Amino acid sequence: NVSAPSASPGQKLCSLAFACAPVAQGTVMWAREFTSGPEFAASASFPTLSTSILSLVRLICLRQPFARSDGVEIALAFLKHSNSDMSYQKVAEIKEKGLRLLLHLLVKGEVTSVLGQITSRLKQQGSALMDASLVRYFVSGLLEVVQSPVSIVFVRSFGALLKAPKCIDAVRTQYFGEPHRQRLVDLLVSFKDLRSSGGAKLASEDVSLISSLLTTYQ
């Protein structure tokens, strides 16, 4: 309750953002600008504010569909942040929370945007945005929220991600648990039974993509 005397400023902001679209829009615009630059990552408030901002943006995006594209940009911004005064583990935890935000947004319809952006970053030479452990974290989380049947658009977007060399190197290791490995293979096998929206079988290039992925990850 926004009017409750005991409500904190954060609770009041959350309540207003949930109920009022202009407040929600202003909040995510502020969060995008505030977190986008290196100054935020280098600031003393980075460790404490990061979790709060990501949680607030996630809750807003779940309630306000128009805010989800900004939510993607905010989550991606956290993947490039680093802070030499923080431990690797603490920075990784913040980045994992950003990846969880991306998974929430993917489930809410931002499939091509999320997978396309992650794939693009994995293809960047010398990019340190996502190390192998973060790639495994994202793929594992994706496998836990996606169930067959899926769309052909998802097959192509997910397939492009799985073909990225950095993804192959990260997932095809002993650190990617057997349950997730089997779930990945089962999902790829299920792709073979997909049909287009018109009921036609998969195009030949889609069949080739699936076969190539099965050969890579089995």
N, C-alpha and C. Protein backbone atom coordinates (compact mmCIF):
# COMPACT_ATOMS: atom_id res chain seq x y z
N ASN A 1 0.86 -1.18 0.00
CA ASN A 1 0.00 0.00 0.00
C ASN A 1 0.90 1.24 0.00
N VAL A 2 0.80 2.04 -1.06
CA VAL A 2 1.65 3.22 -1.21
C VAL A 2 1.46 4.20 -0.06
N SER A 3 0.22 4.31 0.44
CA SER A 3 -0.08 5.31 1.46
C SER A 3 0.25 4.83 2.87
N ALA A 4 0.64 3.58 3.04
CA ALA A 4 0.94 3.06 4.37
C ALA A 4 2.13 3.80 4.97
N PRO A 5 2.02 4.25 6.22
CA PRO A 5 3.12 5.00 6.84
C PRO A 5 4.41 4.20 6.91
N SER A 6 4.29 2.88 7.04
CA SER A 6 5.48 2.04 7.21
C SER A 6 6.16 1.69 5.89
N ALA A 7 5.55 2.06 4.76
CA ALA A 7 6.13 1.70 3.46
C ALA A 7 7.43 2.47 3.23
N SER A 8 8.45 1.75 2.76
CA SER A 8 9.74 2.38 2.45
C SER A 8 9.65 3.09 1.11
N PRO A 9 10.59 3.98 0.82
CA PRO A 9 10.58 4.64 -0.50
C PRO A 9 10.62 3.62 -1.64
N GLY A 10 11.38 2.55 -1.45
CA GLY A 10 11.44 1.52 -2.50
C GLY A 10 10.10 0.84 -2.71
N GLN A 11 9.40 0.53 -1.62
CA GLN A 11 8.08 -0.09 -1.73
C GLN A 11 7.09 0.85 -2.40
N LYS A 12 7.17 2.12 -2.06
CA LYS A 12 6.26 3.09 -2.68
C LYS A 12 6.52 3.20 -4.18
N LEU A 13 7.81 3.21 -4.56
CA LEU A 13 8.16 3.29 -5.98
C LEU A 13 7.66 2.06 -6.72
N CYS A 14 7.85 0.87 -6.13
CA CYS A 14 7.38 -0.36 -6.76
C CYS A 14 5.87 -0.33 -6.97
N SER A 15 5.14 0.07 -5.94
CA SER A 15 3.69 0.11 -6.03
C SER A 15 3.22 1.07 -7.11
N LEU A 16 3.85 2.24 -7.17
CA LEU A 16 3.47 3.23 -8.19
C LEU A 16 3.81 2.72 -9.59
N ALA A 17 4.97 2.08 -9.74
CA ALA A 17 5.38 1.57 -11.05
C ALA A 17 4.46 0.46 -11.53
N PHE A 18 3.97 -0.38 -10.61
CA PHE A 18 3.06 -1.45 -10.99
C PHE A 18 1.71 -0.90 -11.44
N ALA A 19 1.27 0.16 -10.77
CA ALA A 19 -0.07 0.67 -11.01
C ALA A 19 -0.14 1.74 -12.09
N CYS A 20 0.98 2.41 -12.35
CA CYS A 20 0.96 3.58 -13.23
C CYS A 20 2.01 3.44 -14.33
N ALA A 21 1.56 3.30 -15.56
CA ALA A 21 2.47 3.08 -16.68
C ALA A 21 3.50 4.20 -16.84
N PRO A 22 3.11 5.49 -16.73
CA PRO A 22 4.12 6.55 -16.87
C PRO A 22 5.23 6.45 -15.83
N VAL A 23 4.88 6.08 -14.59
CA VAL A 23 5.91 5.91 -13.55
C VAL A 23 6.81 4.74 -13.90
N ALA A 24 6.21 3.65 -14.39
CA ALA A 24 7.00 2.48 -14.80
C ALA A 24 7.97 2.85 -15.91
N GLN A 25 7.47 3.60 -16.89
CA GLN A 25 8.32 3.99 -18.01
C GLN A 25 9.47 4.89 -17.54
N GLY A 26 9.15 5.83 -16.69
CA GLY A 26 10.19 6.71 -16.17
C GLY A 26 11.23 5.95 -15.36
N THR A 27 10.78 4.96 -14.61
CA THR A 27 11.69 4.19 -13.77
C THR A 27 12.66 3.37 -14.61
N VAL A 28 12.16 2.69 -15.64
CA VAL A 28 13.06 1.86 -16.45
C VAL A 28 13.98 2.74 -17.31
N MET A 29 13.50 3.91 -17.72
CA MET A 29 14.36 4.83 -18.47
C MET A 29 15.49 5.32 -17.57
N TRP A 30 15.15 5.64 -16.33
CA TRP A 30 16.19 6.05 -15.37
C TRP A 30 17.18 4.91 -15.14
N ALA A 31 16.66 3.70 -14.93
CA ALA A 31 17.54 2.56 -14.67
C ALA A 31 18.47 2.28 -15.84
N ARG A 32 17.95 2.43 -17.05
CA ARG A 32 18.77 2.19 -18.24
C ARG A 32 19.91 3.19 -18.33
N GLU A 33 19.61 4.45 -18.12
CA GLU A 33 20.64 5.48 -18.20
C GLU A 33 21.62 5.39 -17.02
N PHE A 34 21.11 5.09 -15.85
CA PHE A 34 21.93 5.07 -14.64
C PHE A 34 22.94 3.93 -14.66
N THR A 35 22.55 2.79 -15.24
CA THR A 35 23.40 1.60 -15.19
C THR A 35 24.22 1.37 -16.45
N SER A 36 24.06 2.20 -17.46
CA SER A 36 24.66 1.90 -18.76
C SER A 36 26.16 2.20 -18.83
N GLY A 37 26.63 3.16 -18.08
CA GLY A 37 28.02 3.59 -18.20
C GLY A 37 28.96 2.94 -17.21
N PRO A 38 30.27 3.04 -17.45
CA PRO A 38 31.27 2.45 -16.55
C PRO A 38 31.33 3.14 -15.19
N GLU A 39 30.82 4.37 -15.11
CA GLU A 39 30.86 5.09 -13.84
C GLU A 39 30.07 4.35 -12.76
N PHE A 40 28.94 3.78 -13.15
CA PHE A 40 28.11 3.06 -12.19
C PHE A 40 28.85 1.84 -11.64
N ALA A 41 29.48 1.07 -12.55
CA ALA A 41 30.19 -0.14 -12.12
C ALA A 41 31.36 0.18 -11.22
N ALA A 42 31.96 1.35 -11.38
CA ALA A 42 33.12 1.73 -10.58
C ALA A 42 32.73 2.40 -9.27
N SER A 43 31.47 2.70 -9.09
CA SER A 43 31.04 3.44 -7.91
C SER A 43 30.92 2.53 -6.69
N ALA A 44 30.94 3.15 -5.52
CA ALA A 44 30.83 2.39 -4.27
C ALA A 44 29.44 1.79 -4.10
N SER A 45 28.45 2.34 -4.79
CA SER A 45 27.07 1.85 -4.66
C SER A 45 26.77 0.66 -5.56
N PHE A 46 27.70 0.32 -6.45
CA PHE A 46 27.44 -0.76 -7.41
C PHE A 46 27.04 -2.08 -6.74
N PRO A 47 27.76 -2.55 -5.72
CA PRO A 47 27.39 -3.84 -5.12
C PRO A 47 26.00 -3.85 -4.50
N THR A 48 25.61 -2.73 -3.87
CA THR A 48 24.34 -2.71 -3.16
C THR A 48 23.15 -2.35 -4.05
N LEU A 49 23.36 -1.44 -5.00
CA LEU A 49 22.26 -1.01 -5.85
C LEU A 49 21.94 -1.98 -6.97
N SER A 50 22.92 -2.74 -7.43
CA SER A 50 22.72 -3.62 -8.58
C SER A 50 21.57 -4.59 -8.38
N THR A 51 21.59 -5.29 -7.25
CA THR A 51 20.54 -6.27 -6.98
C THR A 51 19.17 -5.61 -6.88
N SER A 52 19.11 -4.46 -6.23
CA SER A 52 17.82 -3.76 -6.08
C SER A 52 17.28 -3.29 -7.43
N ILE A 53 18.16 -2.73 -8.27
CA ILE A 53 17.73 -2.24 -9.58
C ILE A 53 17.26 -3.39 -10.46
N LEU A 54 18.01 -4.48 -10.50
CA LEU A 54 17.62 -5.62 -11.32
C LEU A 54 16.30 -6.22 -10.85
N SER A 55 16.09 -6.29 -9.55
CA SER A 55 14.83 -6.82 -9.02
C SER A 55 13.67 -5.91 -9.37
N LEU A 56 13.87 -4.62 -9.23
CA LEU A 56 12.81 -3.65 -9.55
C LEU A 56 12.46 -3.72 -11.04
N VAL A 57 13.48 -3.76 -11.90
CA VAL A 57 13.23 -3.81 -13.34
C VAL A 57 12.50 -5.11 -13.70
N ARG A 58 12.89 -6.21 -13.07
CA ARG A 58 12.22 -7.49 -13.36
C ARG A 58 10.73 -7.41 -13.01
N LEU A 59 10.42 -6.88 -11.84
CA LEU A 59 9.02 -6.80 -11.42
C LEU A 59 8.22 -5.88 -12.33
N ILE A 60 8.82 -4.76 -12.74
CA ILE A 60 8.13 -3.84 -13.64
C ILE A 60 7.87 -4.52 -14.99
N CYS A 61 8.89 -5.19 -15.52
CA CYS A 61 8.75 -5.82 -16.83
C CYS A 61 7.72 -6.94 -16.84
N LEU A 62 7.56 -7.62 -15.72
CA LEU A 62 6.55 -8.67 -15.64
C LEU A 62 5.14 -8.07 -15.68
N ARG A 63 5.00 -6.86 -15.16
CA ARG A 63 3.68 -6.20 -15.11
C ARG A 63 3.42 -5.31 -16.33
N GLN A 64 4.48 -4.72 -16.89
CA GLN A 64 4.33 -3.72 -17.95
C GLN A 64 5.05 -4.20 -19.22
N PRO A 65 4.33 -4.77 -20.17
CA PRO A 65 4.97 -5.32 -21.39
C PRO A 65 5.81 -4.31 -22.16
N PHE A 66 5.40 -3.05 -22.20
CA PHE A 66 6.12 -2.06 -23.00
C PHE A 66 7.52 -1.80 -22.46
N ALA A 67 7.77 -2.18 -21.21
CA ALA A 67 9.07 -1.91 -20.58
C ALA A 67 10.09 -3.00 -20.88
N ARG A 68 9.68 -4.09 -21.54
CA ARG A 68 10.56 -5.26 -21.65
C ARG A 68 11.77 -5.04 -22.55
N SER A 69 11.63 -4.27 -23.59
CA SER A 69 12.80 -4.01 -24.44
C SER A 69 13.86 -3.24 -23.68
N ASP A 70 13.44 -2.28 -22.84
CA ASP A 70 14.39 -1.57 -21.98
C ASP A 70 14.99 -2.53 -20.96
N GLY A 71 14.16 -3.47 -20.49
CA GLY A 71 14.66 -4.46 -19.54
C GLY A 71 15.78 -5.29 -20.11
N VAL A 72 15.68 -5.64 -21.39
CA VAL A 72 16.75 -6.39 -22.05
C VAL A 72 18.03 -5.58 -22.06
N GLU A 73 17.93 -4.31 -22.41
CA GLU A 73 19.12 -3.46 -22.47
C GLU A 73 19.76 -3.29 -21.09
N ILE A 74 18.94 -3.18 -20.06
CA ILE A 74 19.47 -3.02 -18.71
C ILE A 74 20.21 -4.28 -18.27
N ALA A 75 19.61 -5.44 -18.53
CA ALA A 75 20.24 -6.70 -18.15
C ALA A 75 21.56 -6.89 -18.89
N LEU A 76 21.59 -6.55 -20.17
CA LEU A 76 22.81 -6.69 -20.96
C LEU A 76 23.91 -5.76 -20.47
N ALA A 77 23.52 -4.59 -19.96
CA ALA A 77 24.51 -3.64 -19.46
C ALA A 77 25.30 -4.24 -18.31
N PHE A 78 24.62 -5.04 -17.48
CA PHE A 78 25.30 -5.62 -16.32
C PHE A 78 26.32 -6.68 -16.74
N LEU A 79 26.16 -7.27 -17.92
CA LEU A 79 27.11 -8.28 -18.36
C LEU A 79 28.48 -7.69 -18.67
N LYS A 80 28.54 -6.41 -19.01
CA LYS A 80 29.81 -5.79 -19.37
C LYS A 80 30.48 -5.11 -18.19
N HIS A 81 29.79 -5.03 -17.06
CA HIS A 81 30.33 -4.31 -15.91
C HIS A 81 31.35 -5.16 -15.14
N SER A 82 32.34 -4.49 -14.60
CA SER A 82 33.32 -5.12 -13.72
C SER A 82 33.76 -4.10 -12.69
N ASN A 83 34.27 -4.60 -11.58
CA ASN A 83 34.71 -3.72 -10.51
C ASN A 83 35.91 -4.36 -9.84
N SER A 84 37.07 -3.72 -9.96
CA SER A 84 38.31 -4.30 -9.45
C SER A 84 38.34 -4.40 -7.92
N ASP A 85 37.44 -3.65 -7.26
CA ASP A 85 37.40 -3.70 -5.80
C ASP A 85 36.51 -4.83 -5.27
N MET A 86 35.85 -5.53 -6.18
CA MET A 86 34.95 -6.62 -5.79
C MET A 86 35.55 -7.95 -6.20
N SER A 87 35.19 -8.99 -5.48
CA SER A 87 35.66 -10.33 -5.82
C SER A 87 35.00 -10.80 -7.11
N TYR A 88 35.67 -11.74 -7.78
CA TYR A 88 35.09 -12.32 -8.99
C TYR A 88 33.73 -12.93 -8.68
N GLN A 89 33.62 -13.61 -7.54
CA GLN A 89 32.37 -14.29 -7.19
C GLN A 89 31.22 -13.30 -7.06
N LYS A 90 31.47 -12.14 -6.42
CA LYS A 90 30.42 -11.16 -6.22
C LYS A 90 29.98 -10.55 -7.55
N VAL A 91 30.94 -10.23 -8.42
CA VAL A 91 30.59 -9.70 -9.74
C VAL A 91 29.81 -10.74 -10.53
N ALA A 92 30.23 -12.01 -10.44
CA ALA A 92 29.54 -13.09 -11.16
C ALA A 92 28.10 -13.23 -10.67
N GLU A 93 27.88 -13.07 -9.37
CA GLU A 93 26.52 -13.17 -8.83
C GLU A 93 25.61 -12.08 -9.41
N ILE A 94 26.16 -10.87 -9.55
CA ILE A 94 25.38 -9.78 -10.13
C ILE A 94 25.06 -10.07 -11.59
N LYS A 95 26.05 -10.59 -12.33
CA LYS A 95 25.83 -10.91 -13.73
C LYS A 95 24.82 -12.05 -13.88
N GLU A 96 24.86 -13.00 -12.97
CA GLU A 96 23.88 -14.10 -13.00
C GLU A 96 22.47 -13.56 -12.79
N LYS A 97 22.34 -12.58 -11.92
CA LYS A 97 21.02 -11.97 -11.71
C LYS A 97 20.55 -11.26 -12.98
N GLY A 98 21.49 -10.64 -13.70
CA GLY A 98 21.14 -10.04 -14.98
C GLY A 98 20.69 -11.10 -15.99
N LEU A 99 21.35 -12.24 -15.98
CA LEU A 99 20.96 -13.33 -16.88
C LEU A 99 19.59 -13.88 -16.51
N ARG A 100 19.29 -13.93 -15.22
CA ARG A 100 17.95 -14.38 -14.81
C ARG A 100 16.88 -13.42 -15.29
N LEU A 101 17.20 -12.12 -15.27
CA LEU A 101 16.26 -11.14 -15.82
C LEU A 101 16.02 -11.41 -17.29
N LEU A 102 17.07 -11.72 -18.03
CA LEU A 102 16.92 -12.03 -19.46
C LEU A 102 16.05 -13.27 -19.66
N LEU A 103 16.19 -14.26 -18.81
CA LEU A 103 15.37 -15.47 -18.94
C LEU A 103 13.90 -15.16 -18.66
N HIS A 104 13.64 -14.32 -17.67
CA HIS A 104 12.26 -13.90 -17.41
C HIS A 104 11.68 -13.19 -18.63
N LEU A 105 12.46 -12.32 -19.24
CA LEU A 105 11.99 -11.57 -20.40
C LEU A 105 11.80 -12.49 -21.60
N LEU A 106 12.67 -13.47 -21.76
CA LEU A 106 12.52 -14.45 -22.84
C LEU A 106 11.19 -15.18 -22.72
N VAL A 107 10.87 -15.62 -21.51
CA VAL A 107 9.61 -16.32 -21.29
C VAL A 107 8.42 -15.42 -21.62
N LYS A 108 8.58 -14.11 -21.40
CA LYS A 108 7.50 -13.16 -21.65
C LYS A 108 7.44 -12.68 -23.10
N GLY A 109 8.21 -13.31 -23.99
CA GLY A 109 8.07 -13.00 -25.41
C GLY A 109 9.27 -12.37 -26.08
N GLU A 110 10.32 -12.03 -25.32
CA GLU A 110 11.49 -11.38 -25.91
C GLU A 110 12.52 -12.42 -26.38
N VAL A 111 12.04 -13.45 -27.08
CA VAL A 111 12.90 -14.57 -27.46
C VAL A 111 13.99 -14.14 -28.43
N THR A 112 13.59 -13.57 -29.56
CA THR A 112 14.58 -13.23 -30.58
C THR A 112 15.53 -12.14 -30.10
N SER A 113 15.01 -11.19 -29.32
CA SER A 113 15.85 -10.11 -28.81
C SER A 113 16.91 -10.65 -27.86
N VAL A 114 16.48 -11.45 -26.88
CA VAL A 114 17.41 -11.97 -25.87
C VAL A 114 18.43 -12.90 -26.50
N LEU A 115 17.96 -13.90 -27.25
CA LEU A 115 18.90 -14.87 -27.83
C LEU A 115 19.79 -14.22 -28.88
N GLY A 116 19.24 -13.29 -29.64
CA GLY A 116 20.05 -12.60 -30.64
C GLY A 116 21.16 -11.77 -30.01
N GLN A 117 20.84 -11.08 -28.93
CA GLN A 117 21.84 -10.24 -28.26
C GLN A 117 22.92 -11.10 -27.60
N ILE A 118 22.53 -12.18 -26.95
CA ILE A 118 23.52 -13.05 -26.32
C ILE A 118 24.42 -13.69 -27.37
N THR A 119 23.82 -14.15 -28.47
CA THR A 119 24.61 -14.76 -29.53
C THR A 119 25.60 -13.77 -30.11
N SER A 120 25.15 -12.55 -30.33
CA SER A 120 26.02 -11.51 -30.87
C SER A 120 27.22 -11.28 -29.96
N ARG A 121 26.99 -11.26 -28.67
CA ARG A 121 28.08 -11.03 -27.73
C ARG A 121 29.04 -12.20 -27.66
N LEU A 122 28.54 -13.41 -27.82
CA LEU A 122 29.41 -14.57 -27.80
C LEU A 122 30.30 -14.63 -29.05
N LYS A 123 29.86 -14.00 -30.10
CA LYS A 123 30.63 -14.01 -31.34
C LYS A 123 31.69 -12.92 -31.38
N GLN A 124 31.63 -11.98 -30.45
CA GLN A 124 32.61 -10.89 -30.43
C GLN A 124 33.98 -11.42 -30.03
N GLN A 125 34.97 -11.13 -30.84
CA GLN A 125 36.32 -11.59 -30.56
C GLN A 125 36.88 -10.87 -29.33
N GLY A 126 37.43 -11.67 -28.44
CA GLY A 126 38.06 -11.09 -27.26
C GLY A 126 37.08 -10.53 -26.25
N SER A 127 35.80 -10.81 -26.44
CA SER A 127 34.80 -10.27 -25.52
C SER A 127 34.86 -10.99 -24.18
N ALA A 128 34.84 -10.22 -23.10
CA ALA A 128 34.84 -10.80 -21.76
C ALA A 128 33.48 -10.63 -21.09
N LEU A 129 32.47 -10.35 -21.90
CA LEU A 129 31.15 -10.11 -21.34
C LEU A 129 30.61 -11.34 -20.63
N MET A 130 30.85 -12.52 -21.20
CA MET A 130 30.35 -13.75 -20.61
C MET A 130 31.45 -14.80 -20.66
N ASP A 131 31.94 -15.19 -19.50
CA ASP A 131 32.91 -16.27 -19.50
C ASP A 131 32.16 -17.61 -19.57
N ALA A 132 32.91 -18.70 -19.59
CA ALA A 132 32.31 -20.02 -19.80
C ALA A 132 31.28 -20.36 -18.73
N SER A 133 31.55 -19.99 -17.48
CA SER A 133 30.62 -20.32 -16.41
C SER A 133 29.29 -19.59 -16.58
N LEU A 134 29.34 -18.36 -17.05
CA LEU A 134 28.10 -17.60 -17.27
C LEU A 134 27.33 -18.14 -18.47
N VAL A 135 28.04 -18.60 -19.49
CA VAL A 135 27.37 -19.22 -20.64
C VAL A 135 26.63 -20.47 -20.18
N ARG A 136 27.29 -21.29 -19.40
CA ARG A 136 26.64 -22.50 -18.88
C ARG A 136 25.45 -22.15 -18.00
N TYR A 137 25.58 -21.11 -17.20
CA TYR A 137 24.49 -20.68 -16.34
C TYR A 137 23.27 -20.28 -17.17
N PHE A 138 23.51 -19.53 -18.24
CA PHE A 138 22.42 -19.08 -19.08
C PHE A 138 21.76 -20.24 -19.82
N VAL A 139 22.56 -21.11 -20.43
CA VAL A 139 22.01 -22.24 -21.17
C VAL A 139 21.25 -23.18 -20.24
N SER A 140 21.78 -23.42 -19.06
CA SER A 140 21.09 -24.28 -18.09
C SER A 140 19.74 -23.68 -17.70
N GLY A 141 19.75 -22.38 -17.42
CA GLY A 141 18.50 -21.71 -17.07
C GLY A 141 17.50 -21.75 -18.20
N LEU A 142 17.98 -21.59 -19.42
CA LEU A 142 17.10 -21.64 -20.58
C LEU A 142 16.46 -23.01 -20.72
N LEU A 143 17.24 -24.05 -20.51
CA LEU A 143 16.73 -25.41 -20.63
C LEU A 143 15.68 -25.71 -19.55
N GLU A 144 15.75 -25.02 -18.44
CA GLU A 144 14.80 -25.24 -17.36
C GLU A 144 13.46 -24.54 -17.59
N VAL A 145 13.44 -23.52 -18.43
CA VAL A 145 12.18 -22.78 -18.64
C VAL A 145 11.53 -23.07 -19.98
N VAL A 146 12.25 -23.72 -20.90
CA VAL A 146 11.71 -23.98 -22.23
C VAL A 146 11.24 -25.42 -22.33
N GLN A 147 10.06 -25.58 -22.87
CA GLN A 147 9.52 -26.91 -23.08
C GLN A 147 9.00 -27.04 -24.51
N SER A 148 9.11 -28.24 -25.05
CA SER A 148 8.59 -28.51 -26.38
C SER A 148 7.06 -28.67 -26.28
N PRO A 149 6.29 -28.30 -27.32
CA PRO A 149 6.75 -27.80 -28.62
C PRO A 149 7.10 -26.31 -28.58
N VAL A 150 8.04 -25.94 -29.40
CA VAL A 150 8.45 -24.55 -29.52
C VAL A 150 8.26 -24.11 -30.97
N SER A 151 8.43 -22.83 -31.21
CA SER A 151 8.27 -22.31 -32.57
C SER A 151 9.55 -22.51 -33.38
N ILE A 152 9.40 -22.45 -34.69
CA ILE A 152 10.57 -22.53 -35.56
C ILE A 152 11.48 -21.32 -35.35
N VAL A 153 10.88 -20.19 -35.02
CA VAL A 153 11.68 -18.99 -34.71
C VAL A 153 12.60 -19.27 -33.53
N PHE A 154 12.08 -19.95 -32.51
CA PHE A 154 12.91 -20.30 -31.37
C PHE A 154 14.02 -21.26 -31.77
N VAL A 155 13.68 -22.26 -32.59
CA VAL A 155 14.68 -23.23 -33.05
C VAL A 155 15.85 -22.51 -33.71
N ARG A 156 15.53 -21.58 -34.59
CA ARG A 156 16.60 -20.87 -35.31
C ARG A 156 17.40 -19.98 -34.39
N SER A 157 16.74 -19.29 -33.47
CA SER A 157 17.45 -18.39 -32.55
C SER A 157 18.30 -19.18 -31.57
N PHE A 158 17.74 -20.22 -31.01
CA PHE A 158 18.49 -21.05 -30.07
C PHE A 158 19.61 -21.80 -30.79
N GLY A 159 19.33 -22.24 -32.01
CA GLY A 159 20.35 -22.92 -32.79
C GLY A 159 21.55 -22.03 -33.07
N ALA A 160 21.29 -20.77 -33.39
CA ALA A 160 22.39 -19.83 -33.64
C ALA A 160 23.24 -19.65 -32.38
N LEU A 161 22.58 -19.59 -31.22
CA LEU A 161 23.32 -19.49 -29.96
C LEU A 161 24.19 -20.72 -29.74
N LEU A 162 23.61 -21.90 -29.94
CA LEU A 162 24.34 -23.14 -29.69
C LEU A 162 25.49 -23.34 -30.66
N LYS A 163 25.44 -22.71 -31.83
CA LYS A 163 26.51 -22.85 -32.82
C LYS A 163 27.68 -21.91 -32.54
N ALA A 164 27.48 -20.93 -31.68
CA ALA A 164 28.57 -20.00 -31.37
C ALA A 164 29.72 -20.78 -30.73
N PRO A 165 30.95 -20.61 -31.23
CA PRO A 165 32.09 -21.37 -30.69
C PRO A 165 32.24 -21.26 -29.18
N LYS A 166 32.00 -20.07 -28.61
CA LYS A 166 32.14 -19.92 -27.17
C LYS A 166 31.09 -20.72 -26.42
N CYS A 167 29.91 -20.88 -27.01
CA CYS A 167 28.87 -21.69 -26.38
C CYS A 167 29.27 -23.17 -26.45
N ILE A 168 29.76 -23.61 -27.60
CA ILE A 168 30.19 -25.00 -27.75
C ILE A 168 31.29 -25.32 -26.75
N ASP A 169 32.28 -24.44 -26.63
CA ASP A 169 33.39 -24.67 -25.71
C ASP A 169 32.92 -24.73 -24.26
N ALA A 170 31.92 -23.91 -23.92
CA ALA A 170 31.44 -23.85 -22.54
C ALA A 170 30.57 -25.03 -22.17
N VAL A 171 29.70 -25.44 -23.11
CA VAL A 171 28.72 -26.48 -22.80
C VAL A 171 29.29 -27.89 -22.95
N ARG A 172 30.20 -28.06 -23.87
CA ARG A 172 30.76 -29.40 -24.07
C ARG A 172 31.92 -29.68 -23.12
N THR A 173 31.67 -29.49 -21.85
CA THR A 173 32.68 -29.76 -20.83
C THR A 173 32.02 -30.54 -19.70
N GLN A 174 32.86 -31.06 -18.81
CA GLN A 174 32.35 -31.82 -17.67
C GLN A 174 31.62 -30.93 -16.67
N TYR A 175 31.82 -29.61 -16.78
CA TYR A 175 31.18 -28.69 -15.85
C TYR A 175 29.71 -28.45 -16.18
N PHE A 176 29.29 -28.85 -17.37
CA PHE A 176 27.87 -28.76 -17.74
C PHE A 176 27.24 -30.08 -17.32
N GLY A 177 26.43 -30.05 -16.26
CA GLY A 177 25.93 -31.27 -15.64
C GLY A 177 25.19 -32.20 -16.59
N GLU A 178 25.24 -33.48 -16.30
CA GLU A 178 24.60 -34.49 -17.14
C GLU A 178 23.09 -34.29 -17.27
N PRO A 179 22.38 -33.92 -16.21
CA PRO A 179 20.93 -33.68 -16.38
C PRO A 179 20.63 -32.61 -17.42
N HIS A 180 21.40 -31.52 -17.39
CA HIS A 180 21.18 -30.45 -18.37
C HIS A 180 21.63 -30.90 -19.77
N ARG A 181 22.69 -31.68 -19.83
CA ARG A 181 23.15 -32.17 -21.13
C ARG A 181 22.08 -33.06 -21.78
N GLN A 182 21.48 -33.93 -20.97
CA GLN A 182 20.43 -34.80 -21.51
C GLN A 182 19.19 -34.00 -21.89
N ARG A 183 18.87 -33.00 -21.08
CA ARG A 183 17.72 -32.14 -21.40
C ARG A 183 17.94 -31.42 -22.73
N LEU A 184 19.18 -30.99 -22.96
CA LEU A 184 19.50 -30.31 -24.22
C LEU A 184 19.32 -31.26 -25.40
N VAL A 185 19.84 -32.47 -25.28
CA VAL A 185 19.72 -33.44 -26.37
C VAL A 185 18.25 -33.78 -26.61
N ASP A 186 17.49 -33.99 -25.56
CA ASP A 186 16.07 -34.31 -25.71
C ASP A 186 15.32 -33.18 -26.41
N LEU A 187 15.67 -31.94 -26.06
CA LEU A 187 15.01 -30.79 -26.69
C LEU A 187 15.36 -30.73 -28.17
N LEU A 188 16.62 -30.96 -28.50
CA LEU A 188 17.04 -30.95 -29.90
C LEU A 188 16.35 -32.05 -30.69
N VAL A 189 16.22 -33.21 -30.10
CA VAL A 189 15.52 -34.31 -30.78
C VAL A 189 14.06 -33.95 -31.04
N SER A 190 13.43 -33.27 -30.06
CA SER A 190 12.03 -32.90 -30.23
C SER A 190 11.83 -31.90 -31.36
N PHE A 191 12.88 -31.15 -31.71
CA PHE A 191 12.77 -30.18 -32.79
C PHE A 191 12.45 -30.85 -34.12
N LYS A 192 12.84 -32.11 -34.26
CA LYS A 192 12.64 -32.81 -35.54
C LYS A 192 11.16 -32.96 -35.89
N ASP A 193 10.31 -32.95 -34.88
CA ASP A 193 8.89 -33.16 -35.10
C ASP A 193 8.11 -31.87 -35.32
N LEU A 194 8.79 -30.75 -35.36
CA LEU A 194 8.10 -29.48 -35.53
C LEU A 194 7.54 -29.33 -36.93
N ARG A 195 6.52 -28.53 -37.02
CA ARG A 195 5.93 -28.15 -38.30
C ARG A 195 5.85 -26.63 -38.34
N SER A 196 5.81 -26.09 -39.54
CA SER A 196 5.65 -24.65 -39.68
C SER A 196 4.23 -24.26 -39.30
N SER A 197 3.97 -22.96 -39.23
CA SER A 197 2.62 -22.50 -38.87
C SER A 197 1.57 -22.97 -39.86
N GLY A 198 1.99 -23.25 -41.09
CA GLY A 198 1.05 -23.75 -42.09
C GLY A 198 0.95 -25.26 -42.12
N GLY A 199 1.66 -25.92 -41.22
CA GLY A 199 1.59 -27.37 -41.15
C GLY A 199 2.64 -28.09 -41.97
N ALA A 200 3.47 -27.35 -42.69
CA ALA A 200 4.49 -27.99 -43.52
C ALA A 200 5.66 -28.44 -42.67
N LYS A 201 6.43 -29.37 -43.19
CA LYS A 201 7.61 -29.85 -42.49
C LYS A 201 8.67 -28.75 -42.45
N LEU A 202 9.66 -28.99 -41.63
CA LEU A 202 10.75 -28.03 -41.52
C LEU A 202 11.47 -27.87 -42.85
N ALA A 203 11.97 -26.67 -43.09
CA ALA A 203 12.77 -26.42 -44.29
C ALA A 203 14.07 -27.21 -44.18
N SER A 204 14.68 -27.46 -45.31
CA SER A 204 15.89 -28.29 -45.33
C SER A 204 17.01 -27.67 -44.50
N GLU A 205 17.12 -26.34 -44.51
CA GLU A 205 18.17 -25.70 -43.72
C GLU A 205 17.94 -25.86 -42.22
N ASP A 206 16.65 -25.92 -41.82
CA ASP A 206 16.35 -26.15 -40.41
C ASP A 206 16.70 -27.58 -40.00
N VAL A 207 16.40 -28.52 -40.87
CA VAL A 207 16.75 -29.92 -40.61
C VAL A 207 18.26 -30.07 -40.49
N SER A 208 18.99 -29.41 -41.37
CA SER A 208 20.46 -29.47 -41.32
C SER A 208 20.99 -28.85 -40.03
N LEU A 209 20.38 -27.75 -39.60
CA LEU A 209 20.79 -27.10 -38.36
C LEU A 209 20.61 -28.05 -37.18
N ILE A 210 19.45 -28.67 -37.09
CA ILE A 210 19.17 -29.57 -35.97
C ILE A 210 20.13 -30.76 -35.98
N SER A 211 20.35 -31.34 -37.15
CA SER A 211 21.28 -32.48 -37.26
C SER A 211 22.68 -32.09 -36.84
N SER A 212 23.11 -30.90 -37.25
CA SER A 212 24.44 -30.42 -36.89
C SER A 212 24.56 -30.23 -35.38
N LEU A 213 23.51 -29.70 -34.77
CA LEU A 213 23.52 -29.47 -33.31
C LEU A 213 23.55 -30.79 -32.55
N LEU A 214 22.80 -31.76 -33.02
CA LEU A 214 22.79 -33.08 -32.37
C LEU A 214 24.17 -33.73 -32.46
N THR A 215 24.79 -33.60 -33.61
CA THR A 215 26.13 -34.15 -33.78
C THR A 215 27.12 -33.47 -32.84
N THR A 216 26.94 -32.18 -32.64
CA THR A 216 27.84 -31.40 -31.78
C THR A 216 27.68 -31.73 -30.32
N TYR A 217 26.42 -31.87 -29.87
CA TYR A 217 26.17 -31.94 -28.43
C TYR A 217 25.84 -33.32 -27.89
N GLN A 218 25.64 -34.31 -28.74
CA GLN A 218 25.35 -35.66 -28.23
C GLN A 218 26.62 -36.31 -27.66
